[in-house]
Amino acid sequence: MIINLISGPRNISTALMYSFAQHSKIKVVDEPFYAHYLIHTGLDHPGREETIASMSADAAEVLKEIHALEKAHEIVFLKNMAHHHEGLEWSYLNNMRNVFLIRDPKQLIASFAQVIPNPTIQDIGLKHEVELLDYLIENGTNPPVVIDSNDILKDPSDGLSSLCGQLGISFEKQMLSWKNGAIPEDGVWAKYWYKNVHNSTGFAKQKTSERPLPTHCEGLYEESLPFYEKLRKLTNPL
């Protein structure tokens, strides 16, 4: 079984990866299409060359590696950014259990702008999430699950238990916490993006989550809000 987490950046996607990594039957994979995405778009992200050198940028080769892991492990959990699916042929998603993770774009953009100062709709993933969700509703064999990160943070135990139930897997209490620091599955880009998770031992709302939206990002917020609202209406109760 492959669980494909489809998220925007600066969400709790990395915390969820750390959580699922604690499960006794799950092997996690960190952003397997990142190198493909960087080459496809030409974007200059922190650690771009390191990332490209560290992993295959060939989508077919990446999928081959994922399916090899599926044979070796009962459950494989992919942490993916929604926009990393750009330039790929999406039919491989049809037989995965796809989970869409969303966050209020005001919080998302304010956080992302701390690393990429002038983010665009391309960077934050919400438009891509809507496109992917529409595709899967029409073509997928398994109903997608849509969750809001704030719903997980309100009650991690109930939220994770409910999510696992919707995915048809067991919930294990050790998923609620992890040791601080990195995990072996981290991508080489972790040093640029994962500081908060590395300093954590479980799910917690960050003190910086209420930082103000930069004035120059207000247009992006207005552009992204309809995509978030569409996704929010489709969230599964946790």
Protein backbone atom coordinates (compact mmCIF):
# COMPACT_ATOMS: atom_id res chain seq x y z
CA MET A 1 0.00 0.00 0.00
CA ILE A 2 1.26 3.48 -0.89
CA ILE A 3 0.03 6.55 0.97
CA ASN A 4 0.76 9.71 -1.00
CA LEU A 5 0.65 12.89 1.09
CA ILE A 6 0.01 15.87 -1.20
CA SER A 7 0.74 19.11 0.63
CA GLY A 8 1.74 22.71 0.26
CA PRO A 9 5.01 23.88 1.85
CA ARG A 10 5.29 25.26 5.39
CA ASN A 11 2.51 23.00 6.53
CA ILE A 12 2.87 20.13 9.01
CA SER A 13 3.81 17.75 6.18
CA THR A 14 7.27 17.07 7.62
CA ALA A 15 5.81 16.49 11.09
CA LEU A 16 3.35 14.02 9.54
CA MET A 17 6.25 12.25 7.82
CA TYR A 18 8.04 12.00 11.18
CA SER A 19 4.83 10.74 12.77
CA PHE A 20 4.24 8.02 10.19
CA ALA A 21 7.92 7.07 10.40
CA GLN A 22 7.24 5.90 13.97
CA HIS A 23 4.66 3.35 12.75
CA SER A 24 5.89 -0.24 12.95
CA LYS A 25 4.75 -1.11 9.41
CA ILE A 26 5.54 2.08 7.50
CA LYS A 27 8.54 3.21 5.45
CA VAL A 28 8.57 6.94 4.71
CA VAL A 29 10.02 8.69 1.65
CA ASP A 30 10.81 12.41 1.60
CA GLU A 31 9.72 14.39 -1.50
CA PRO A 32 10.80 11.84 -4.11
CA PHE A 33 10.10 14.10 -7.10
CA TYR A 34 11.93 17.19 -5.83
CA ALA A 35 14.89 16.91 -8.22
CA HIS A 36 12.54 16.34 -11.16
CA TYR A 37 10.57 19.43 -10.16
CA LEU A 38 13.66 21.65 -9.86
CA ILE A 39 14.91 20.62 -13.29
CA HIS A 40 11.47 20.81 -14.89
CA THR A 41 10.81 24.35 -13.60
CA GLY A 42 14.36 25.69 -13.41
CA LEU A 43 13.56 27.22 -10.02
CA ASP A 44 16.42 28.20 -7.73
CA HIS A 45 15.53 26.79 -4.33
CA PRO A 46 17.95 26.63 -1.37
CA GLY A 47 20.18 23.60 -1.90
CA ARG A 48 19.09 23.19 -5.53
CA GLU A 49 22.31 21.60 -6.82
CA GLU A 50 22.68 19.45 -3.70
CA THR A 51 19.16 18.16 -4.16
CA ILE A 52 19.62 17.36 -7.85
CA ALA A 53 22.87 15.53 -7.09
CA SER A 54 21.32 13.50 -4.27
CA MET A 55 18.45 11.78 -6.09
CA SER A 56 17.15 10.70 -9.47
CA ALA A 57 15.32 13.31 -11.53
CA ASP A 58 13.88 10.62 -13.80
CA ALA A 59 10.23 10.15 -12.80
CA ALA A 60 10.09 6.59 -14.15
CA GLU A 61 13.17 5.66 -12.13
CA VAL A 62 11.72 7.26 -8.99
CA LEU A 63 8.47 5.32 -9.38
CA LYS A 64 10.45 2.12 -9.88
CA GLU A 65 12.25 2.77 -6.58
CA ILE A 66 8.95 3.49 -4.81
CA HIS A 67 7.39 0.25 -6.02
CA ALA A 68 10.49 -1.65 -4.95
CA LEU A 69 9.97 -0.26 -1.45
CA GLU A 70 6.32 -1.30 -1.62
CA LYS A 71 7.42 -4.90 -2.14
CA ALA A 72 9.71 -4.72 0.89
CA HIS A 73 7.37 -2.88 3.27
CA GLU A 74 3.69 -3.32 4.09
CA ILE A 75 3.03 0.42 3.79
CA VAL A 76 5.03 3.17 2.07
CA PHE A 77 4.31 6.80 3.01
CA LEU A 78 5.34 9.42 0.44
CA LYS A 79 5.63 13.01 1.62
CA ASN A 80 5.07 15.04 -1.53
CA MET A 81 4.56 18.69 -2.36
CA ALA A 82 1.56 19.26 -4.63
CA HIS A 83 3.58 21.32 -7.09
CA HIS A 84 6.20 18.58 -7.39
CA HIS A 85 3.64 16.65 -9.44
CA GLU A 86 3.93 19.26 -12.18
CA GLY A 87 5.31 17.82 -15.42
CA LEU A 88 4.44 14.25 -14.42
CA GLU A 89 1.90 11.90 -15.97
CA TRP A 90 -0.59 11.47 -13.14
CA SER A 91 -2.05 8.03 -13.83
CA TYR A 92 0.35 6.47 -11.29
CA LEU A 93 -1.68 8.22 -8.57
CA ASN A 94 -4.85 6.31 -9.36
CA ASN A 95 -4.03 3.29 -7.22
CA MET A 96 -2.42 5.16 -4.32
CA ARG A 97 -4.19 6.38 -1.18
CA ASN A 98 -3.89 10.13 -1.71
CA VAL A 99 -4.13 12.49 1.26
CA PHE A 100 -4.41 16.24 0.63
CA LEU A 101 -3.04 18.38 3.44
CA ILE A 102 -4.06 22.04 3.45
CA ARG A 103 -3.37 25.11 5.59
CA ASP A 104 -4.80 28.61 5.80
CA PRO A 105 -2.85 30.39 3.02
CA LYS A 106 -2.25 33.45 5.20
CA GLN A 107 -0.20 31.31 7.60
CA LEU A 108 1.37 29.31 4.80
CA ILE A 109 2.50 32.34 2.78
CA ALA A 110 3.79 34.26 5.80
CA SER A 111 5.93 31.27 6.75
CA PHE A 112 7.12 30.48 3.22
CA ALA A 113 8.17 34.10 2.66
CA GLN A 114 10.76 33.67 5.42
CA VAL A 115 12.71 31.33 3.09
CA ILE A 116 11.58 32.42 -0.39
CA PRO A 117 10.98 36.18 -0.04
CA ASN A 118 8.70 36.64 -3.06
CA PRO A 119 6.54 33.50 -3.35
CA THR A 120 4.13 32.95 -6.23
CA ILE A 121 1.07 30.75 -6.74
CA GLN A 122 3.50 28.26 -8.30
CA ASP A 123 5.37 27.93 -5.00
CA ILE A 124 2.60 27.36 -2.49
CA GLY A 125 0.83 24.37 -4.01
CA LEU A 126 -2.85 25.19 -3.39
CA LYS A 127 -3.74 25.59 -7.07
CA HIS A 128 -1.89 22.34 -7.81
CA GLU A 129 -3.79 20.59 -5.01
CA VAL A 130 -7.13 21.58 -6.57
CA GLU A 131 -5.98 20.35 -10.00
CA LEU A 132 -4.77 17.04 -8.57
CA LEU A 133 -7.90 16.55 -6.51
CA ASP A 134 -10.14 17.21 -9.52
CA TYR A 135 -8.13 14.66 -11.50
CA LEU A 136 -8.39 12.00 -8.79
CA ILE A 137 -12.11 12.52 -8.24
CA GLU A 138 -12.60 11.85 -11.94
CA ASN A 139 -9.98 9.12 -12.44
CA GLY A 140 -8.81 7.66 -9.14
CA THR A 141 -9.80 4.25 -7.84
CA ASN A 142 -9.59 5.27 -4.17
CA PRO A 143 -11.45 8.29 -2.75
CA PRO A 144 -8.98 11.02 -1.77
CA VAL A 145 -8.82 12.27 1.81
CA VAL A 146 -8.60 16.02 2.48
CA ILE A 147 -7.41 17.24 5.89
CA ASP A 148 -6.57 20.65 7.32
CA SER A 149 -3.39 20.83 9.39
CA ASN A 150 -5.14 22.96 12.01
CA ASP A 151 -7.59 20.10 12.61
CA ILE A 152 -4.68 17.76 13.35
CA LEU A 153 -3.05 20.27 15.68
CA LYS A 154 -6.25 20.76 17.72
CA ASP A 155 -6.14 17.12 18.86
CA PRO A 156 -3.27 15.09 17.37
CA SER A 157 -4.36 11.81 18.96
CA ASP A 158 -7.95 11.93 17.67
CA GLY A 159 -6.88 13.48 14.37
CA LEU A 160 -4.25 10.85 13.58
CA SER A 161 -6.48 8.03 14.75
CA SER A 162 -9.25 9.24 12.46
CA LEU A 163 -6.87 9.70 9.53
CA CYS A 164 -5.46 6.19 9.95
CA GLY A 165 -9.00 4.82 10.08
CA GLN A 166 -9.89 6.56 6.83
CA LEU A 167 -6.78 5.07 5.23
CA GLY A 168 -7.58 1.59 6.52
CA ILE A 169 -4.45 1.26 8.63
CA SER A 170 -3.91 0.87 12.36
CA PHE A 171 -3.16 3.87 14.57
CA GLU A 172 -0.15 3.41 16.87
CA LYS A 173 0.34 5.69 19.87
CA GLN A 174 4.04 6.08 19.14
CA MET A 175 3.02 8.15 16.09
CA LEU A 176 2.32 11.06 18.45
CA SER A 177 5.98 11.72 19.27
CA TRP A 178 9.53 11.34 18.00
CA LYS A 179 13.04 12.14 19.13
CA ASN A 180 14.25 15.64 18.37
CA GLY A 181 16.70 15.96 15.49
CA ALA A 182 16.78 14.57 11.98
CA ILE A 183 15.67 11.16 10.72
CA PRO A 184 17.60 9.10 8.15
CA GLU A 185 14.89 9.60 5.52
CA ASP A 186 15.29 13.40 5.46
CA GLY A 187 16.21 14.86 2.10
CA VAL A 188 19.42 16.88 1.84
CA TRP A 189 17.25 20.02 1.79
CA ALA A 190 16.23 19.43 5.43
CA LYS A 191 18.80 21.91 6.77
CA TYR A 192 17.04 24.71 4.90
CA TRP A 193 13.44 23.83 5.76
CA TYR A 194 13.10 21.46 8.75
CA LYS A 195 14.45 23.47 11.69
CA ASN A 196 11.12 23.57 13.55
CA VAL A 197 10.55 19.82 13.20
CA HIS A 198 14.13 19.02 14.22
CA ASN A 199 13.56 21.04 17.39
CA SER A 200 10.29 19.26 18.14
CA THR A 201 9.28 15.96 19.69
CA GLY A 202 5.63 15.97 18.63
CA PHE A 203 2.82 17.98 17.10
CA ALA A 204 2.60 21.54 18.37
CA LYS A 205 1.41 24.84 16.99
CA GLN A 206 4.45 27.02 16.29
CA LYS A 207 4.74 30.38 18.04
CA THR A 208 5.44 31.88 14.62
CA SER A 209 2.20 30.57 13.10
CA GLU A 210 0.48 33.91 13.77
CA ARG A 211 3.19 36.02 12.11
CA PRO A 212 1.68 38.79 9.97
CA LEU A 213 1.34 38.41 6.22
CA PRO A 214 3.97 40.56 4.46
CA THR A 215 2.32 43.45 2.65
CA HIS A 216 3.85 42.47 -0.69
CA CYS A 217 2.21 39.01 -0.38
CA GLU A 218 -1.36 40.28 0.00
CA GLY A 219 -2.07 39.81 -3.72
CA LEU A 220 -0.90 36.20 -3.56
CA TYR A 221 -3.13 35.60 -0.55
CA GLU A 222 -6.18 36.90 -2.44
CA GLU A 223 -5.24 34.76 -5.45
CA SER A 224 -4.84 31.60 -3.38
CA LEU A 225 -7.85 31.97 -1.08
CA PRO A 226 -10.47 30.52 -3.49
CA PHE A 227 -8.37 27.37 -3.92
CA TYR A 228 -8.10 26.93 -0.15
CA GLU A 229 -11.82 27.53 0.34
CA LYS A 230 -12.68 24.91 -2.29
CA LEU A 231 -10.41 22.36 -0.59
CA ARG A 232 -11.62 23.30 2.88
CA LYS A 233 -15.20 22.48 1.89
CA LEU A 234 -14.06 18.94 1.01
CA THR A 235 -12.14 18.21 4.23
CA ASN A 236 -12.84 14.92 5.92
CA PRO A 237 -13.95 15.23 9.55
CA LEU A 238 -11.21 14.20 12.02
